[in-house]
Amino acid sequence: MREKINFHKVLGSIFILIGLIFYPTPVPGTTFLIILGLIFLFGKKKTLYLLKDHLNKKVFKSLRIKSIIKKI
């Protein structure tokens, strides 16, 4: 049986791939593309938990990731 392709997962993967490719270049917004791709793949709650778990508390607060994810 053929599985249905989930549009959000494909789009999230593309955002992450583009963000990683352009990360070392001076193109602005690559980190935002990576975070947006994670949100498309996992959802807001899981992405927030994943970033909070892997980042230092100071870094997480200074980047204001929680407020950015809420606005998206």
Protein backbone atom coordinates (compact mmCIF):
# COMPACT_ATOMS: atom_id res chain seq x y z
CA MET A 1 0.00 0.00 0.00
CA ARG A 2 1.30 3.44 -0.87
CA GLU A 3 1.69 5.93 1.97
CA LYS A 4 0.32 9.44 1.72
CA ILE A 5 3.07 12.07 1.56
CA ASN A 6 2.71 14.62 4.32
CA PHE A 7 3.24 18.12 2.87
CA HIS A 8 4.38 19.61 6.20
CA LYS A 9 7.12 17.02 6.68
CA VAL A 10 8.46 17.55 3.16
CA LEU A 11 8.37 21.34 3.54
CA GLY A 12 10.03 21.13 6.98
CA SER A 13 12.80 18.94 5.59
CA ILE A 14 13.38 21.37 2.73
CA PHE A 15 13.58 24.34 5.14
CA ILE A 16 16.10 22.54 7.33
CA LEU A 17 18.20 21.49 4.33
CA ILE A 18 18.26 25.01 2.87
CA GLY A 19 19.05 26.48 6.29
CA LEU A 20 21.97 24.09 6.79
CA ILE A 21 23.34 24.69 3.31
CA PHE A 22 23.30 28.47 3.66
CA TYR A 23 24.27 28.58 7.37
CA PRO A 24 28.00 29.27 6.76
CA THR A 25 27.21 32.02 4.24
CA PRO A 26 26.28 35.59 5.20
CA VAL A 27 22.67 35.05 4.06
CA PRO A 28 20.38 36.30 6.86
CA GLY A 29 17.58 34.16 8.24
CA THR A 30 19.16 30.73 7.96
CA THR A 31 18.69 29.95 11.65
CA PHE A 32 15.05 30.97 11.33
CA LEU A 33 14.64 28.53 8.43
CA ILE A 34 16.07 25.71 10.53
CA ILE A 35 13.73 26.49 13.45
CA LEU A 36 10.77 26.82 11.09
CA GLY A 37 11.64 23.47 9.52
CA LEU A 38 11.76 21.84 12.96
CA ILE A 39 8.33 23.27 13.75
CA PHE A 40 6.93 21.87 10.51
CA LEU A 41 8.44 18.45 11.25
CA PHE A 42 7.72 18.04 14.96
CA GLY A 43 5.21 20.72 15.96
CA LYS A 44 5.58 23.69 18.30
CA LYS A 45 5.58 21.87 21.63
CA LYS A 46 8.05 19.19 20.64
CA THR A 47 10.39 21.71 18.99
CA LEU A 48 10.29 23.95 22.05
CA TYR A 49 11.09 20.99 24.30
CA LEU A 50 13.87 19.81 21.96
CA LEU A 51 15.57 23.23 21.85
CA LYS A 52 15.14 23.80 25.59
CA ASP A 53 16.65 20.39 26.31
CA HIS A 54 19.70 20.87 24.05
CA LEU A 55 20.50 24.52 24.65
CA ASN A 56 21.90 26.08 27.79
CA LYS A 57 19.34 27.99 29.92
CA LYS A 58 21.16 31.30 29.38
CA VAL A 59 21.33 30.79 25.63
CA PHE A 60 17.67 29.75 25.47
CA LYS A 61 16.57 32.87 27.38
CA SER A 62 18.90 35.26 25.57
CA LEU A 63 17.72 34.12 22.14
CA ARG A 64 14.07 34.42 23.26
CA ILE A 65 13.23 31.25 21.38
CA LYS A 66 10.04 30.65 23.35
CA SER A 67 8.54 33.98 22.27
CA ILE A 68 9.66 33.46 18.67
CA ILE A 69 8.01 30.05 18.49
CA LYS A 70 4.81 31.40 20.02
CA LYS A 71 4.63 34.14 17.36
CA ILE A 72 5.01 31.61 14.54
